[in-house]
């Protein structure tokens, strides 16, 4: 997580990194994913992290799933082996 956060460049007009709850996971195919979000729903264990905190999610199926949200939700894709960030973008808008 440290390596990814050191190199990730958030899209223009987003909040500072510390204002997002940050979830990370990796899959067996060598792909890693992160979701940075400003949305929180404490009653759901997949979306209950406080803003500014981060968590490694061991089961990719337990990652937060948010269909829209604009730059309130940022998707990051990285190479799990090298830790290199390959894609960073804001989520779509409804």
PDB file of N, CA and C in Angstrom:
ATOM      1  N   UNK A   1       0.821  -1.180   0.000  1.00  0.00           N
ATOM      2  CA  UNK A   1       0.000   0.000   0.000  1.00  0.00           C
ATOM      3  C   UNK A   1       0.873   1.256   0.000  1.00  0.00           C
ATOM      4  N   UNK A   2       1.944   1.225   0.782  1.00  0.00           N
ATOM      5  CA  UNK A   2       2.840   2.390   0.802  1.00  0.00           C
ATOM      6  C   UNK A   2       3.416   2.667  -0.583  1.00  0.00           C
ATOM      7  N   UNK A   3       3.877   1.618  -1.257  1.00  0.00           N
ATOM      8  CA  UNK A   3       4.486   1.786  -2.582  1.00  0.00           C
ATOM      9  C   UNK A   3       3.484   2.363  -3.577  1.00  0.00           C
ATOM     10  N   UNK A   4       2.268   1.895  -3.538  1.00  0.00           N
ATOM     11  CA  UNK A   4       1.241   2.384  -4.455  1.00  0.00           C
ATOM     12  C   UNK A   4       0.917   3.838  -4.145  1.00  0.00           C
ATOM     13  N   UNK A   5       0.739   4.163  -2.884  1.00  0.00           N
ATOM     14  CA  UNK A   5       0.379   5.533  -2.517  1.00  0.00           C
ATOM     15  C   UNK A   5       1.488   6.534  -2.809  1.00  0.00           C
ATOM     16  N   UNK A   6       2.733   6.090  -2.809  1.00  0.00           N
ATOM     17  CA  UNK A   6       3.838   6.996  -3.139  1.00  0.00           C
ATOM     18  C   UNK A   6       3.820   7.402  -4.605  1.00  0.00           C
ATOM     19  N   UNK A   7       3.329   6.530  -5.480  1.00  0.00           N
ATOM     20  CA  UNK A   7       3.391   6.834  -6.911  1.00  0.00           C
ATOM     21  C   UNK A   7       2.059   7.216  -7.537  1.00  0.00           C
ATOM     22  N   UNK A   8       0.942   6.945  -6.865  1.00  0.00           N
ATOM     23  CA  UNK A   8      -0.349   7.250  -7.477  1.00  0.00           C
ATOM     24  C   UNK A   8      -0.507   8.764  -7.631  1.00  0.00           C
ATOM     25  N   UNK A   9      -1.011   9.168  -8.768  1.00  0.00           N
ATOM     26  CA  UNK A   9      -1.289  10.578  -9.052  1.00  0.00           C
ATOM     27  C   UNK A   9      -2.797  10.702  -9.224  1.00  0.00           C
ATOM     28  N   UNK A  10      -3.431  11.356  -8.265  1.00  0.00           N
ATOM     29  CA  UNK A  10      -4.880  11.492  -8.328  1.00  0.00           C
ATOM     30  C   UNK A  10      -5.288  12.415  -9.467  1.00  0.00           C
ATOM     31  N   UNK A  11      -6.432  12.140 -10.085  1.00  0.00           N
ATOM     32  CA  UNK A  11      -6.908  13.010 -11.160  1.00  0.00           C
ATOM     33  C   UNK A  11      -7.106  14.445 -10.665  1.00  0.00           C
ATOM     34  N   UNK A  12      -7.084  15.379 -11.593  1.00  0.00           N
ATOM     35  CA  UNK A  12      -7.305  16.795 -11.268  1.00  0.00           C
ATOM     36  C   UNK A  12      -8.680  16.951 -10.640  1.00  0.00           C
ATOM     37  N   UNK A  13      -8.819  17.880  -9.749  1.00  0.00           N
ATOM     38  CA  UNK A  13     -10.037  18.213  -8.996  1.00  0.00           C
ATOM     39  C   UNK A  13     -10.531  17.120  -8.060  1.00  0.00           C
ATOM     40  N   UNK A  14      -9.617  16.334  -7.537  1.00  0.00           N
ATOM     41  CA  UNK A  14      -9.988  15.368  -6.504  1.00  0.00           C
ATOM     42  C   UNK A  14      -9.561  15.914  -5.151  1.00  0.00           C
ATOM     43  N   UNK A  15      -9.982  15.250  -4.129  1.00  0.00           N
ATOM     44  CA  UNK A  15      -9.601  15.635  -2.767  1.00  0.00           C
ATOM     45  C   UNK A  15      -8.202  15.109  -2.462  1.00  0.00           C
ATOM     46  N   UNK A  16      -7.586  15.574  -1.385  1.00  0.00           N
ATOM     47  CA  UNK A  16      -6.289  15.000  -0.976  1.00  0.00           C
ATOM     48  C   UNK A  16      -6.458  13.526  -0.605  1.00  0.00           C
ATOM     49  N   UNK A  17      -5.423  12.754  -0.783  1.00  0.00           N
ATOM     50  CA  UNK A  17      -5.431  11.323  -0.504  1.00  0.00           C
ATOM     51  C   UNK A  17      -5.977  11.017   0.890  1.00  0.00           C
ATOM     52  N   UNK A  18      -5.636  11.831   1.868  1.00  0.00           N
ATOM     53  CA  UNK A  18      -6.047  11.584   3.254  1.00  0.00           C
ATOM     54  C   UNK A  18      -7.551  11.758   3.481  1.00  0.00           C
ATOM     55  N   UNK A  19      -8.276  12.262   2.506  1.00  0.00           N
ATOM     56  CA  UNK A  19      -9.720  12.422   2.646  1.00  0.00           C
ATOM     57  C   UNK A  19     -10.506  11.271   2.020  1.00  0.00           C
ATOM     58  N   UNK A  20      -9.800  10.231   1.595  1.00  0.00           N
ATOM     59  CA  UNK A  20     -10.434   9.042   1.023  1.00  0.00           C
ATOM     60  C   UNK A  20     -10.211   7.848   1.943  1.00  0.00           C
ATOM     61  N   UNK A  21     -11.218   6.971   2.037  1.00  0.00           N
ATOM     62  CA  UNK A  21     -11.025   5.642   2.611  1.00  0.00           C
ATOM     63  C   UNK A  21     -10.436   4.819   1.472  1.00  0.00           C
ATOM     64  N   UNK A  22      -9.375   4.035   1.753  1.00  0.00           N
ATOM     65  CA  UNK A  22      -8.642   3.372   0.670  1.00  0.00           C
ATOM     66  C   UNK A  22      -8.626   1.857   0.885  1.00  0.00           C
ATOM     67  N   UNK A  23      -9.151   1.147  -0.089  1.00  0.00           N
ATOM     68  CA  UNK A  23      -9.260  -0.312  -0.054  1.00  0.00           C
ATOM     69  C   UNK A  23      -8.378  -0.897  -1.157  1.00  0.00           C
ATOM     70  N   UNK A  24      -7.599  -1.915  -0.830  1.00  0.00           N
ATOM     71  CA  UNK A  24      -6.684  -2.550  -1.779  1.00  0.00           C
ATOM     72  C   UNK A  24      -6.912  -4.050  -1.815  1.00  0.00           C
ATOM     73  N   UNK A  25      -6.707  -4.651  -2.984  1.00  0.00           N
ATOM     74  CA  UNK A  25      -6.760  -6.101  -3.115  1.00  0.00           C
ATOM     75  C   UNK A  25      -5.934  -6.529  -4.317  1.00  0.00           C
ATOM     76  N   UNK A  26      -5.663  -7.813  -4.407  1.00  0.00           N
ATOM     77  CA  UNK A  26      -5.003  -8.355  -5.604  1.00  0.00           C
ATOM     78  C   UNK A  26      -5.669  -9.666  -5.964  1.00  0.00           C
ATOM     79  N   UNK A  27      -5.540 -10.027  -7.232  1.00  0.00           N
ATOM     80  CA  UNK A  27      -6.124 -11.261  -7.731  1.00  0.00           C
ATOM     81  C   UNK A  27      -5.021 -12.200  -8.178  1.00  0.00           C
ATOM     82  N   UNK A  28      -5.348 -13.439  -8.399  1.00  0.00           N
ATOM     83  CA  UNK A  28      -4.350 -14.446  -8.763  1.00  0.00           C
ATOM     84  C   UNK A  28      -3.686 -14.174 -10.101  1.00  0.00           C
ATOM     85  N   UNK A  29      -4.312 -13.404 -10.954  1.00  0.00           N
ATOM     86  CA  UNK A  29      -3.748 -13.142 -12.286  1.00  0.00           C
ATOM     87  C   UNK A  29      -2.678 -12.056 -12.275  1.00  0.00           C
ATOM     88  N   UNK A  30      -2.262 -11.623 -11.094  1.00  0.00           N
ATOM     89  CA  UNK A  30      -1.209 -10.617 -11.008  1.00  0.00           C
ATOM     90  C   UNK A  30      -1.696  -9.187 -11.066  1.00  0.00           C
ATOM     91  N   UNK A  31      -3.000  -8.996 -11.141  1.00  0.00           N
ATOM     92  CA  UNK A  31      -3.583  -7.662 -11.171  1.00  0.00           C
ATOM     93  C   UNK A  31      -3.968  -7.250  -9.757  1.00  0.00           C
ATOM     94  N   UNK A  32      -3.762  -6.004  -9.455  1.00  0.00           N
ATOM     95  CA  UNK A  32      -4.181  -5.454  -8.173  1.00  0.00           C
ATOM     96  C   UNK A  32      -5.121  -4.291  -8.414  1.00  0.00           C
ATOM     97  N   UNK A  33      -6.002  -4.076  -7.476  1.00  0.00           N
ATOM     98  CA  UNK A  33      -6.982  -3.009  -7.607  1.00  0.00           C
ATOM     99  C   UNK A  33      -7.111  -2.257  -6.296  1.00  0.00           C
ATOM    100  N   UNK A  34      -7.430  -0.995  -6.406  1.00  0.00           N
ATOM    101  CA  UNK A  34      -7.715  -0.183  -5.230  1.00  0.00           C
ATOM    102  C   UNK A  34      -8.936   0.669  -5.529  1.00  0.00           C
ATOM    103  N   UNK A  35      -9.692   0.913  -4.509  1.00  0.00           N
ATOM    104  CA  UNK A  35     -10.817   1.828  -4.572  1.00  0.00           C
ATOM    105  C   UNK A  35     -10.580   2.864  -3.483  1.00  0.00           C
ATOM    106  N   UNK A  36     -10.548   4.123  -3.872  1.00  0.00           N
ATOM    107  CA  UNK A  36     -10.475   5.220  -2.924  1.00  0.00           C
ATOM    108  C   UNK A  36     -11.860   5.860  -2.952  1.00  0.00           C
ATOM    109  N   UNK A  37     -12.474   6.031  -1.798  1.00  0.00           N
ATOM    110  CA  UNK A  37     -13.830   6.551  -1.785  1.00  0.00           C
ATOM    111  C   UNK A  37     -14.068   7.542  -0.651  1.00  0.00           C
ATOM    112  N   UNK A  38     -14.971   8.459  -0.896  1.00  0.00           N
ATOM    113  CA  UNK A  38     -15.424   9.396   0.136  1.00  0.00           C
ATOM    114  C   UNK A  38     -16.774   8.952   0.686  1.00  0.00           C
ATOM    115  N   UNK A  39     -17.261   7.809   0.220  1.00  0.00           N
ATOM    116  CA  UNK A  39     -18.541   7.281   0.687  1.00  0.00           C
ATOM    117  C   UNK A  39     -18.297   6.271   1.803  1.00  0.00           C
ATOM    118  N   UNK A  40     -19.144   6.335   2.807  1.00  0.00           N
ATOM    119  CA  UNK A  40     -19.009   5.416   3.942  1.00  0.00           C
ATOM    120  C   UNK A  40     -20.393   4.966   4.371  1.00  0.00           C
ATOM    121  N   UNK A  41     -20.516   3.693   4.613  1.00  0.00           N
ATOM    122  CA  UNK A  41     -21.768   3.120   5.103  1.00  0.00           C
ATOM    123  C   UNK A  41     -21.410   2.144   6.219  1.00  0.00           C
ATOM    124  N   UNK A  42     -21.370   2.629   7.478  1.00  0.00           N
ATOM    125  CA  UNK A  42     -20.877   1.810   8.591  1.00  0.00           C
ATOM    126  C   UNK A  42     -21.566   0.458   8.772  1.00  0.00           C
ATOM    127  N   UNK A  43     -22.822   0.322   8.366  1.00  0.00           N
ATOM    128  CA  UNK A  43     -23.505  -0.965   8.577  1.00  0.00           C
ATOM    129  C   UNK A  43     -23.078  -2.037   7.574  1.00  0.00           C
ATOM    130  N   UNK A  44     -22.337  -1.653   6.523  1.00  0.00           N
ATOM    131  CA  UNK A  44     -21.829  -2.625   5.557  1.00  0.00           C
ATOM    132  C   UNK A  44     -20.331  -2.799   5.771  1.00  0.00           C
ATOM    133  N   UNK A  45     -19.891  -4.021   6.071  1.00  0.00           N
ATOM    134  CA  UNK A  45     -18.471  -4.227   6.372  1.00  0.00           C
ATOM    135  C   UNK A  45     -17.561  -4.011   5.173  1.00  0.00           C
ATOM    136  N   UNK A  46     -18.109  -3.953   3.959  1.00  0.00           N
ATOM    137  CA  UNK A  46     -17.267  -3.680   2.793  1.00  0.00           C
ATOM    138  C   UNK A  46     -17.108  -2.185   2.535  1.00  0.00           C
ATOM    139  N   UNK A  47     -17.809  -1.342   3.293  1.00  0.00           N
ATOM    140  CA  UNK A  47     -17.732   0.107   3.051  1.00  0.00           C
ATOM    141  C   UNK A  47     -17.787   0.869   4.374  1.00  0.00           C
ATOM    142  N   UNK A  48     -17.091   0.357   5.386  1.00  0.00           N
ATOM    143  CA  UNK A  48     -17.198   0.964   6.710  1.00  0.00           C
ATOM    144  C   UNK A  48     -15.920   1.648   7.195  1.00  0.00           C
ATOM    145  N   UNK A  49     -14.966   1.807   6.323  1.00  0.00           N
ATOM    146  CA  UNK A  49     -13.684   2.385   6.706  1.00  0.00           C
ATOM    147  C   UNK A  49     -13.799   3.901   6.846  1.00  0.00           C
ATOM    148  N   UNK A  50     -13.213   4.444   7.890  1.00  0.00           N
ATOM    149  CA  UNK A  50     -13.207   5.890   8.094  1.00  0.00           C
ATOM    150  C   UNK A  50     -12.327   6.573   7.053  1.00  0.00           C
ATOM    151  N   UNK A  51     -12.679   7.824   6.725  1.00  0.00           N
ATOM    152  CA  UNK A  51     -11.884   8.594   5.769  1.00  0.00           C
ATOM    153  C   UNK A  51     -10.462   8.743   6.315  1.00  0.00           C
ATOM    154  N   UNK A  52      -9.492   8.602   5.426  1.00  0.00           N
ATOM    155  CA  UNK A  52      -8.088   8.706   5.807  1.00  0.00           C
ATOM    156  C   UNK A  52      -7.458   7.377   6.194  1.00  0.00           C
ATOM    157  N   UNK A  53      -8.278   6.353   6.397  1.00  0.00           N
ATOM    158  CA  UNK A  53      -7.771   5.024   6.765  1.00  0.00           C
ATOM    159  C   UNK A  53      -7.641   4.168   5.510  1.00  0.00           C
ATOM    160  N   UNK A  54      -6.951   3.069   5.633  1.00  0.00           N
ATOM    161  CA  UNK A  54      -6.783   2.149   4.509  1.00  0.00           C
ATOM    162  C   UNK A  54      -6.830   0.713   5.007  1.00  0.00           C
ATOM    163  N   UNK A  55      -7.153  -0.202   4.090  1.00  0.00           N
ATOM    164  CA  UNK A  55      -7.306  -1.613   4.450  1.00  0.00           C
ATOM    165  C   UNK A  55      -6.925  -2.481   3.258  1.00  0.00           C
ATOM    166  N   UNK A  56      -6.235  -3.581   3.550  1.00  0.00           N
ATOM    167  CA  UNK A  56      -5.996  -4.605   2.535  1.00  0.00           C
ATOM    168  C   UNK A  56      -7.137  -5.596   2.647  1.00  0.00           C
ATOM    169  N   UNK A  57      -7.812  -5.863   1.535  1.00  0.00           N
ATOM    170  CA  UNK A  57      -8.953  -6.775   1.494  1.00  0.00           C
ATOM    171  C   UNK A  57      -8.464  -8.087   0.879  1.00  0.00           C
ATOM    172  N   UNK A  58      -8.425  -9.155   1.671  1.00  0.00           N
ATOM    173  CA  UNK A  58      -7.850 -10.409   1.187  1.00  0.00           C
ATOM    174  C   UNK A  58      -8.726 -11.095   0.142  1.00  0.00           C
ATOM    175  N   UNK A  59     -10.026 -10.902   0.194  1.00  0.00           N
ATOM    176  CA  UNK A  59     -10.946 -11.498  -0.773  1.00  0.00           C
ATOM    177  C   UNK A  59     -11.422 -10.419  -1.740  1.00  0.00           C
ATOM    178  N   UNK A  60     -11.000 -10.454  -3.004  1.00  0.00           N
ATOM    179  CA  UNK A  60     -11.413  -9.416  -3.957  1.00  0.00           C
ATOM    180  C   UNK A  60     -12.932  -9.255  -4.060  1.00  0.00           C
ATOM    181  N   UNK A  61     -13.677 -10.294  -3.768  1.00  0.00           N
ATOM    182  CA  UNK A  61     -15.131 -10.216  -3.797  1.00  0.00           C
ATOM    183  C   UNK A  61     -15.714  -9.370  -2.682  1.00  0.00           C
ATOM    184  N   UNK A  62     -14.890  -8.986  -1.719  1.00  0.00           N
ATOM    185  CA  UNK A  62     -15.335  -8.159  -0.588  1.00  0.00           C
ATOM    186  C   UNK A  62     -14.945  -6.695  -0.748  1.00  0.00           C
ATOM    187  N   UNK A  63     -14.463  -6.345  -1.930  1.00  0.00           N
ATOM    188  CA  UNK A  63     -14.127  -4.940  -2.191  1.00  0.00           C
ATOM    189  C   UNK A  63     -15.412  -4.128  -2.325  1.00  0.00           C
ATOM    190  N   UNK A  64     -15.373  -2.831  -1.972  1.00  0.00           N
ATOM    191  CA  UNK A  64     -16.540  -1.986  -2.196  1.00  0.00           C
ATOM    192  C   UNK A  64     -16.890  -1.964  -3.683  1.00  0.00           C
ATOM    193  N   UNK A  65     -18.159  -1.924  -3.970  1.00  0.00           N
ATOM    194  CA  UNK A  65     -18.627  -1.855  -5.351  1.00  0.00           C
ATOM    195  C   UNK A  65     -19.544  -0.651  -5.476  1.00  0.00           C
ATOM    196  N   UNK A  66     -19.053   0.380  -6.136  1.00  0.00           N
ATOM    197  CA  UNK A  66     -19.809   1.623  -6.295  1.00  0.00           C
ATOM    198  C   UNK A  66     -19.876   1.916  -7.780  1.00  0.00           C
ATOM    199  N   UNK A  67     -21.088   2.029  -8.316  1.00  0.00           N
ATOM    200  CA  UNK A  67     -21.273   2.163  -9.759  1.00  0.00           C
ATOM    201  C   UNK A  67     -21.012   3.555 -10.304  1.00  0.00           C
ATOM    202  N   UNK A  68     -21.130   4.565  -9.492  1.00  0.00           N
ATOM    203  CA  UNK A  68     -20.914   5.931  -9.981  1.00  0.00           C
ATOM    204  C   UNK A  68     -20.149   6.694  -8.905  1.00  0.00           C
ATOM    205  N   UNK A  69     -20.387   7.965  -8.748  1.00  0.00           N
ATOM    206  CA  UNK A  69     -19.719   8.712  -7.691  1.00  0.00           C
ATOM    207  C   UNK A  69     -18.710   9.728  -8.174  1.00  0.00           C
ATOM    208  N   UNK A  70     -18.475   9.769  -9.494  1.00  0.00           N
ATOM    209  CA  UNK A  70     -17.514  10.735 -10.014  1.00  0.00           C
ATOM    210  C   UNK A  70     -16.171  10.591  -9.324  1.00  0.00           C
ATOM    211  N   UNK A  71     -15.557  11.703  -8.931  1.00  0.00           N
ATOM    212  CA  UNK A  71     -14.246  11.660  -8.279  1.00  0.00           C
ATOM    213  C   UNK A  71     -14.351  11.435  -6.774  1.00  0.00           C
ATOM    214  N   UNK A  72     -15.584  11.147  -6.292  1.00  0.00           N
ATOM    215  CA  UNK A  72     -15.753  10.683  -4.922  1.00  0.00           C
ATOM    216  C   UNK A  72     -15.346   9.225  -4.810  1.00  0.00           C
ATOM    217  N   UNK A  73     -15.125   8.582  -5.967  1.00  0.00           N
ATOM    218  CA  UNK A  73     -14.655   7.198  -6.039  1.00  0.00           C
ATOM    219  C   UNK A  73     -13.567   7.148  -7.108  1.00  0.00           C
ATOM    220  N   UNK A  74     -12.381   6.741  -6.722  1.00  0.00           N
ATOM    221  CA  UNK A  74     -11.269   6.643  -7.658  1.00  0.00           C
ATOM    222  C   UNK A  74     -10.857   5.178  -7.764  1.00  0.00           C
ATOM    223  N   UNK A  75     -10.728   4.702  -8.986  1.00  0.00           N
ATOM    224  CA  UNK A  75     -10.304   3.325  -9.240  1.00  0.00           C
ATOM    225  C   UNK A  75      -8.834   3.322  -9.648  1.00  0.00           C
ATOM    226  N   UNK A  76      -8.081   2.420  -9.054  1.00  0.00           N
ATOM    227  CA  UNK A  76      -6.659   2.286  -9.355  1.00  0.00           C
ATOM    228  C   UNK A  76      -6.389   0.835  -9.721  1.00  0.00           C
ATOM    229  N   UNK A  77      -5.609   0.635 -10.762  1.00  0.00           N
ATOM    230  CA  UNK A  77      -5.177  -0.707 -11.144  1.00  0.00           C
ATOM    231  C   UNK A  77      -3.655  -0.723 -11.076  1.00  0.00           C
ATOM    232  N   UNK A  78      -3.106  -1.796 -10.509  1.00  0.00           N
ATOM    233  CA  UNK A  78      -1.651  -1.899 -10.393  1.00  0.00           C
ATOM    234  C   UNK A  78      -1.204  -3.328 -10.636  1.00  0.00           C
ATOM    235  N   UNK A  79       0.067  -3.478 -10.930  1.00  0.00           N
ATOM    236  CA  UNK A  79       0.676  -4.785 -11.117  1.00  0.00           C
ATOM    237  C   UNK A  79       1.051  -5.305  -9.730  1.00  0.00           C
ATOM    238  N   UNK A  80       0.468  -6.424  -9.324  1.00  0.00           N
ATOM    239  CA  UNK A  80       0.718  -6.963  -7.978  1.00  0.00           C
ATOM    240  C   UNK A  80       2.162  -7.369  -7.750  1.00  0.00           C
ATOM    241  N   UNK A  81       2.840  -7.820  -8.795  1.00  0.00           N
ATOM    242  CA  UNK A  81       4.229  -8.262  -8.660  1.00  0.00           C
ATOM    243  C   UNK A  81       5.186  -7.101  -8.459  1.00  0.00           C
ATOM    244  N   UNK A  82       5.003  -6.046  -9.238  1.00  0.00           N
ATOM    245  CA  UNK A  82       5.927  -4.923  -9.178  1.00  0.00           C
ATOM    246  C   UNK A  82       5.417  -3.778  -8.307  1.00  0.00           C
ATOM    247  N   UNK A  83       4.101  -3.750  -8.059  1.00  0.00           N
ATOM    248  CA  UNK A  83       3.516  -2.649  -7.303  1.00  0.00           C
ATOM    249  C   UNK A  83       3.379  -1.378  -8.111  1.00  0.00           C
ATOM    250  N   UNK A  84       3.604  -1.456  -9.423  1.00  0.00           N
ATOM    251  CA  UNK A  84       3.536  -0.262 -10.269  1.00  0.00           C
ATOM    252  C   UNK A  84       2.086   0.051 -10.649  1.00  0.00           C
ATOM    253  N   UNK A  85       1.703   1.307 -10.459  1.00  0.00           N
ATOM    254  CA  UNK A  85       0.357   1.762 -10.811  1.00  0.00           C
ATOM    255  C   UNK A  85       0.254   1.862 -12.333  1.00  0.00           C
ATOM    256  N   UNK A  86      -0.807   1.309 -12.897  1.00  0.00           N
ATOM    257  CA  UNK A  86      -0.989   1.302 -14.343  1.00  0.00           C
ATOM    258  C   UNK A  86      -2.180   2.137 -14.792  1.00  0.00           C
ATOM    259  N   UNK A  87      -3.141   2.365 -13.893  1.00  0.00           N
ATOM    260  CA  UNK A  87      -4.321   3.155 -14.268  1.00  0.00           C
ATOM    261  C   UNK A  87      -4.909   3.799 -13.017  1.00  0.00           C
ATOM    262  N   UNK A  88      -5.269   5.066 -13.154  1.00  0.00           N
ATOM    263  CA  UNK A  88      -5.962   5.798 -12.085  1.00  0.00           C
ATOM    264  C   UNK A  88      -7.018   6.661 -12.746  1.00  0.00           C
ATOM    265  N   UNK A  89      -8.278   6.501 -12.319  1.00  0.00           N
ATOM    266  CA  UNK A  89      -9.328   7.327 -12.907  1.00  0.00           C
ATOM    267  C   UNK A  89     -10.520   7.437 -11.968  1.00  0.00           C
ATOM    268  N   UNK A  90     -11.242   8.544 -12.136  1.00  0.00           N
ATOM    269  CA  UNK A  90     -12.470   8.743 -11.380  1.00  0.00           C
ATOM    270  C   UNK A  90     -13.538   7.796 -11.917  1.00  0.00           C
ATOM    271  N   UNK A  91     -14.443   7.396 -11.034  1.00  0.00           N
ATOM    272  CA  UNK A  91     -15.561   6.558 -11.416  1.00  0.00           C
ATOM    273  C   UNK A  91     -16.536   7.360 -12.283  1.00  0.00           C
ATOM    274  N   UNK A  92     -17.432   6.698 -12.955  1.00  0.00           N
ATOM    275  CA  UNK A  92     -18.416   7.385 -13.782  1.00  0.00           C
ATOM    276  C   UNK A  92     -19.465   8.097 -12.946  1.00  0.00           C
ATOM    277  N   UNK A  93     -20.290   8.882 -13.600  1.00  0.00           N
ATOM    278  CA  UNK A  93     -21.401   9.575 -12.937  1.00  0.00           C
ATOM    279  C   UNK A  93     -22.699   8.958 -13.384  1.00  0.00           C
ATOM    280  N   UNK A  94     -23.652   8.895 -12.461  1.00  0.00           N
ATOM    281  CA  UNK A  94     -24.970   8.317 -12.789  1.00  0.00           C
ATOM    282  C   UNK A  94     -25.774   9.262 -13.653  1.00  0.00           C
TER     283      UNK A  94
END
